[in-house]
Amino acid sequence: MKNKLTDLNAYVKDCGKVMVAYSGGIDSSFVLKLCVEAIGRKNVLAVTGASETFTDVELAGAKKFAKSTGVEHVIVTTREIDNPDFRSNPPLRCYHCKKEFYTKLAEVAEKRGYKYIFDGSNKDDTSDYRPGRKAAQEIGVISPLIKFGIDKVELRKLARKMGIKIWDKPSNPCLASRVPYGEEITEEKLGMIYKAETFIRNKGFKNVRVRHHGKLARIEVPEKEITKLLKEPLRSGIIKELNKIGFTWVSIDMKGYRTGSLNEILGLKKNKG
């Protein structure tokens, strides 16, 4: 792992000046921090996409971390929900979303004189169903963590050693990943998901997903925490709140939380979402 980090640092220094597609997650936070330490904050630009699928909490977190590094942080607004190819929610939904975002990044890079655009994809992502990576490759976005074979476990360890406080932050992909393929993505659905997950997360659940199946909410928490979710008065409180949000039925997935459960219908072994 030490050799990987040494090689990665040398590569960043050779680039000299980079733009980072920055989501606020641990992957891109690590890449951003590493670039700042390797070539200095004046040679790094962080760019974050803001849209209906990206929560205000995540955006606030991204702004806070970017500010702590001292880099310039640009927010670009995307409206993927206006794109019928995204809104109809096909298995390639993520491709259409990322295509718009990376296209805007490329425009900013050209205008600001940045030859290299980095993202935070890591080695584990190469075995996941990630159509968004195709969009990144088409635009010419570089994934340095993949290039040097750094996986999620390694980057978390490295992030912790670097003093990144969010080194153990759970993955939290866009809200659209909670809606089954083929069911239209709407602002109303995204709002319901956000409110439901926020309520449950505030009850002490770090990893939670609320999958939107029409009037049914399917809650995923880690398997070992399912019994905690069922205890009164929490159980009744969650039902009451989710009913108020707009869900008629509230269920718990007995398999527990796992990334990309809605991708299971595609017959893939390991996914992200």
Protein backbone atom coordinates (compact mmCIF):
# COMPACT_ATOMS: atom_id res chain seq x y z
CA MET A 1 0.00 0.00 0.00
CA LYS A 2 2.93 2.33 0.76
CA ASN A 3 4.34 1.84 -2.76
CA LYS A 4 0.93 2.57 -4.28
CA LEU A 5 0.70 5.85 -2.39
CA THR A 6 4.24 6.82 -3.39
CA ASP A 7 3.50 6.12 -7.05
CA LEU A 8 0.18 7.97 -6.85
CA ASN A 9 1.83 11.04 -5.33
CA ALA A 10 4.48 11.03 -8.04
CA TYR A 11 1.79 10.83 -10.71
CA VAL A 12 -0.14 13.78 -9.27
CA LYS A 13 3.04 15.83 -9.12
CA ASP A 14 3.71 15.04 -12.78
CA CYS A 15 0.24 16.30 -13.68
CA GLY A 16 1.06 19.59 -11.96
CA LYS A 17 -2.45 21.01 -11.99
CA VAL A 18 -5.71 19.07 -11.59
CA MET A 19 -9.46 19.45 -11.28
CA VAL A 20 -11.26 17.04 -8.96
CA ALA A 21 -14.84 15.92 -9.54
CA TYR A 22 -15.78 16.28 -5.90
CA SER A 23 -18.92 14.71 -4.40
CA GLY A 24 -18.07 15.05 -0.72
CA GLY A 25 -17.79 11.28 -0.25
CA ILE A 26 -14.69 9.71 1.24
CA ASP A 27 -13.31 8.58 -2.15
CA SER A 28 -13.20 12.00 -3.77
CA SER A 29 -12.33 13.65 -0.43
CA PHE A 30 -9.23 11.48 -0.24
CA VAL A 31 -8.28 12.31 -3.82
CA LEU A 32 -8.81 16.01 -3.19
CA LYS A 33 -6.74 16.04 0.01
CA LEU A 34 -3.97 14.00 -1.60
CA CYS A 35 -3.76 16.38 -4.56
CA VAL A 36 -3.58 19.40 -2.27
CA GLU A 37 -0.73 17.87 -0.29
CA ALA A 38 1.10 16.79 -3.46
CA ILE A 39 0.91 19.94 -5.59
CA GLY A 40 -0.56 22.67 -3.37
CA ARG A 41 -4.06 24.08 -3.08
CA LYS A 42 -3.52 26.73 -5.77
CA ASN A 43 -3.05 23.98 -8.35
CA VAL A 44 -6.24 22.13 -7.44
CA LEU A 45 -9.85 22.97 -8.26
CA ALA A 46 -12.78 21.09 -6.70
CA VAL A 47 -16.02 20.95 -8.68
CA THR A 48 -19.28 19.62 -7.28
CA GLY A 49 -22.55 19.00 -9.08
CA ALA A 50 -25.75 20.17 -7.38
CA SER A 51 -29.13 18.77 -8.36
CA GLU A 52 -32.37 17.29 -6.97
CA THR A 53 -30.66 13.90 -6.55
CA PHE A 54 -27.90 15.36 -4.34
CA THR A 55 -29.11 16.27 -0.85
CA ASP A 56 -28.51 19.61 0.85
CA VAL A 57 -26.76 17.77 3.67
CA GLU A 58 -24.28 16.16 1.27
CA LEU A 59 -23.68 19.49 -0.47
CA ALA A 60 -23.06 21.23 2.85
CA GLY A 61 -20.60 18.50 3.81
CA ALA A 62 -18.76 18.86 0.50
CA LYS A 63 -18.48 22.62 0.96
CA LYS A 64 -17.17 22.20 4.51
CA PHE A 65 -14.46 19.72 3.58
CA ALA A 66 -13.39 21.61 0.46
CA LYS A 67 -13.08 24.78 2.56
CA SER A 68 -10.89 22.93 5.08
CA THR A 69 -8.41 22.07 2.31
CA GLY A 70 -8.21 25.68 1.16
CA VAL A 71 -8.97 24.90 -2.49
CA GLU A 72 -11.28 26.87 -4.71
CA HIS A 73 -14.63 25.09 -4.83
CA VAL A 74 -16.99 25.50 -7.78
CA ILE A 75 -20.61 24.32 -7.74
CA VAL A 76 -22.20 23.49 -11.09
CA THR A 77 -25.94 22.97 -11.34
CA THR A 78 -27.22 19.98 -13.27
CA ARG A 79 -30.80 19.17 -14.26
CA GLU A 80 -30.62 15.51 -15.16
CA ILE A 81 -34.21 15.11 -14.01
CA ASP A 82 -35.25 17.13 -17.08
CA ASN A 83 -33.60 14.52 -19.31
CA PRO A 84 -36.19 11.90 -20.35
CA ASP A 85 -33.41 9.30 -20.67
CA PHE A 86 -32.65 9.79 -16.97
CA ARG A 87 -36.17 10.43 -15.75
CA SER A 88 -37.50 7.18 -17.29
CA ASN A 89 -34.99 5.38 -15.03
CA PRO A 90 -33.43 2.72 -17.29
CA PRO A 91 -30.48 0.59 -16.11
CA LEU A 92 -28.25 3.18 -17.82
CA ARG A 93 -29.71 5.98 -15.70
CA CYS A 94 -26.36 6.72 -14.05
CA TYR A 95 -24.69 7.08 -17.44
CA HIS A 96 -27.09 9.84 -18.51
CA CYS A 97 -26.61 11.65 -15.19
CA LYS A 98 -22.81 11.48 -15.21
CA LYS A 99 -22.64 12.38 -18.90
CA GLU A 100 -24.24 15.76 -18.18
CA PHE A 101 -22.06 16.36 -15.12
CA TYR A 102 -18.76 15.40 -16.73
CA THR A 103 -19.58 17.39 -19.86
CA LYS A 104 -20.02 20.48 -17.68
CA LEU A 105 -16.78 19.66 -15.86
CA ALA A 106 -14.94 19.48 -19.17
CA GLU A 107 -16.30 22.91 -20.08
CA VAL A 108 -15.06 24.36 -16.79
CA ALA A 109 -11.69 22.64 -17.23
CA GLU A 110 -11.22 24.09 -20.70
CA LYS A 111 -12.22 27.56 -19.56
CA ARG A 112 -9.96 27.47 -16.50
CA GLY A 113 -6.99 25.76 -18.15
CA TYR A 114 -7.08 22.37 -16.44
CA LYS A 115 -5.83 19.51 -18.58
CA TYR A 116 -6.50 16.75 -16.03
CA ILE A 117 -9.83 15.89 -14.39
CA PHE A 118 -9.76 13.34 -11.56
CA ASP A 119 -12.64 11.47 -9.96
CA GLY A 120 -12.78 9.31 -6.83
CA SER A 121 -13.59 5.92 -8.35
CA ASN A 122 -11.58 3.19 -6.63
CA LYS A 123 -10.49 -0.33 -7.56
CA ASP A 124 -13.67 -1.92 -6.11
CA ASP A 125 -15.78 0.08 -8.57
CA THR A 126 -14.35 -1.88 -11.49
CA SER A 127 -16.28 -4.97 -10.37
CA ASP A 128 -19.52 -3.04 -9.71
CA TYR A 129 -22.26 -2.16 -12.17
CA ARG A 130 -21.20 1.42 -12.83
CA PRO A 131 -22.53 2.79 -16.14
CA GLY A 132 -21.45 6.24 -14.98
CA ARG A 133 -17.83 5.17 -15.47
CA LYS A 134 -18.45 4.88 -19.18
CA ALA A 135 -19.46 8.54 -19.25
CA ALA A 136 -16.30 9.47 -17.35
CA GLN A 137 -14.12 7.57 -19.79
CA GLU A 138 -15.83 9.18 -22.79
CA ILE A 139 -15.06 12.65 -21.43
CA GLY A 140 -11.51 11.70 -20.50
CA VAL A 141 -11.86 11.77 -16.71
CA ILE A 142 -9.00 9.99 -14.92
CA SER A 143 -9.56 7.67 -11.95
CA PRO A 144 -6.19 7.75 -10.12
CA LEU A 145 -7.26 5.30 -7.41
CA ILE A 146 -8.12 2.71 -10.06
CA LYS A 147 -4.94 3.52 -11.99
CA PHE A 148 -2.85 2.61 -8.94
CA GLY A 149 -5.05 -0.24 -7.66
CA ILE A 150 -6.29 1.35 -4.44
CA ASP A 151 -9.52 -0.16 -3.09
CA LYS A 152 -12.02 1.14 -0.54
CA VAL A 153 -10.42 -0.50 2.49
CA GLU A 154 -7.00 0.85 1.55
CA LEU A 155 -8.19 4.38 0.87
CA ARG A 156 -10.04 4.52 4.19
CA LYS A 157 -6.85 3.48 6.00
CA LEU A 158 -4.84 6.05 4.08
CA ALA A 159 -7.46 8.73 4.68
CA ARG A 160 -7.36 8.04 8.42
CA LYS A 161 -3.56 8.34 8.47
CA MET A 162 -3.86 11.64 6.58
CA GLY A 163 -6.15 12.96 9.31
CA ILE A 164 -9.30 13.07 7.20
CA LYS A 165 -12.08 13.13 9.79
CA ILE A 166 -14.66 11.57 7.48
CA TRP A 167 -12.45 8.54 6.72
CA ASP A 168 -15.26 6.19 7.82
CA LYS A 169 -18.14 8.08 6.21
CA PRO A 170 -20.72 5.63 4.77
CA SER A 171 -21.39 5.64 1.04
CA ASN A 172 -24.43 7.70 0.12
CA PRO A 173 -25.07 7.66 -3.64
CA CYS A 174 -27.70 9.83 -5.28
CA LEU A 175 -31.32 9.49 -4.20
CA ALA A 176 -32.35 8.16 -7.63
CA SER A 177 -30.60 4.89 -6.74
CA ARG A 178 -33.50 4.16 -4.35
CA VAL A 179 -36.09 3.98 -7.14
CA PRO A 180 -36.49 0.65 -9.04
CA TYR A 181 -35.50 0.68 -12.70
CA GLY A 182 -38.36 1.45 -15.03
CA GLU A 183 -40.22 3.58 -12.49
CA GLU A 184 -40.11 7.30 -13.27
CA ILE A 185 -37.78 9.51 -11.25
CA THR A 186 -39.72 12.50 -9.89
CA GLU A 187 -38.88 15.28 -7.48
CA GLU A 188 -41.75 14.09 -5.26
CA LYS A 189 -40.25 10.61 -4.93
CA LEU A 190 -36.79 11.97 -4.23
CA GLY A 191 -38.23 14.23 -1.54
CA MET A 192 -40.05 11.33 0.12
CA ILE A 193 -36.89 9.22 0.16
CA TYR A 194 -34.79 12.04 1.59
CA LYS A 195 -37.27 12.78 4.40
CA ALA A 196 -37.67 9.09 5.29
CA GLU A 197 -33.94 8.36 5.37
CA THR A 198 -33.20 11.51 7.34
CA PHE A 199 -35.78 10.58 9.97
CA ILE A 200 -34.41 7.05 10.41
CA ARG A 201 -30.78 8.18 10.30
CA ASN A 202 -31.51 10.66 13.08
CA LYS A 203 -32.68 7.73 15.20
CA GLY A 204 -29.15 6.36 15.29
CA PHE A 205 -28.82 4.35 12.08
CA LYS A 206 -25.62 5.23 10.23
CA ASN A 207 -26.29 3.06 7.16
CA VAL A 208 -29.86 3.22 5.92
CA ARG A 209 -31.67 3.07 2.60
CA VAL A 210 -35.37 3.62 1.98
CA ARG A 211 -36.23 2.03 -1.36
CA HIS A 212 -39.26 3.61 -3.02
CA HIS A 213 -41.71 1.01 -4.33
CA GLY A 214 -44.71 3.22 -5.03
CA LYS A 215 -46.76 3.40 -1.85
CA LEU A 216 -44.44 0.89 -0.19
CA ALA A 217 -41.22 1.90 1.58
CA ARG A 218 -38.64 -0.89 1.90
CA ILE A 219 -36.18 -0.05 4.67
CA GLU A 220 -32.67 -1.46 4.67
CA VAL A 221 -30.41 -1.24 7.73
CA PRO A 222 -27.48 -3.54 8.60
CA GLU A 223 -28.74 -7.03 9.47
CA LYS A 224 -27.52 -6.80 13.06
CA GLU A 225 -29.59 -3.60 13.54
CA ILE A 226 -32.92 -4.97 12.31
CA THR A 227 -34.02 -5.95 15.82
CA LYS A 228 -33.25 -2.42 17.01
CA LEU A 229 -35.49 -1.05 14.25
CA LEU A 230 -38.36 -3.27 15.43
CA LYS A 231 -38.28 -2.16 19.06
CA GLU A 232 -41.07 0.03 20.40
CA PRO A 233 -41.66 2.91 20.41
CA LEU A 234 -39.22 3.29 17.48
CA ARG A 235 -41.08 0.89 15.19
CA SER A 236 -44.40 2.71 15.62
CA GLY A 237 -42.70 6.08 15.31
CA ILE A 238 -41.12 5.16 11.97
CA ILE A 239 -44.41 3.86 10.61
CA LYS A 240 -46.22 7.02 11.68
CA GLU A 241 -43.59 9.31 10.16
CA LEU A 242 -43.33 7.43 6.86
CA ASN A 243 -47.14 7.37 6.59
CA LYS A 244 -47.08 11.12 7.05
CA ILE A 245 -44.43 11.43 4.31
CA GLY A 246 -46.70 9.57 1.90
CA PHE A 247 -45.95 5.85 2.18
CA THR A 248 -49.01 3.68 2.83
CA TRP A 249 -47.02 0.56 3.71
CA VAL A 250 -43.70 0.30 5.52
CA SER A 251 -41.55 -2.85 5.29
CA ILE A 252 -38.12 -3.98 6.44
CA ASP A 253 -35.84 -5.91 4.11
CA MET A 254 -34.87 -9.03 6.07
CA LYS A 255 -31.62 -9.40 4.08
CA GLY A 256 -30.46 -6.16 5.62
CA TYR A 257 -28.60 -3.24 4.09
CA ARG A 258 -26.41 -3.93 1.08
CA THR A 259 -25.25 -1.63 -1.67
CA GLY A 260 -27.13 -1.80 -4.94
CA SER A 261 -30.04 -4.03 -3.89
CA LEU A 262 -32.15 -2.63 -6.74
CA ASN A 263 -29.50 -3.87 -9.17
CA GLU A 264 -30.18 -7.45 -8.07
CA ILE A 265 -32.91 -7.62 -10.68
CA LEU A 266 -30.19 -7.25 -13.32
CA GLY A 267 -28.59 -10.51 -12.19
CA LEU A 268 -25.30 -8.90 -11.14
CA LYS A 269 -23.29 -10.12 -8.17
CA LYS A 270 -21.97 -6.90 -6.72
CA ASN A 271 -23.22 -3.39 -7.23
CA LYS A 272 -23.30 0.12 -5.86
CA GLY A 273 -26.33 2.26 -4.98
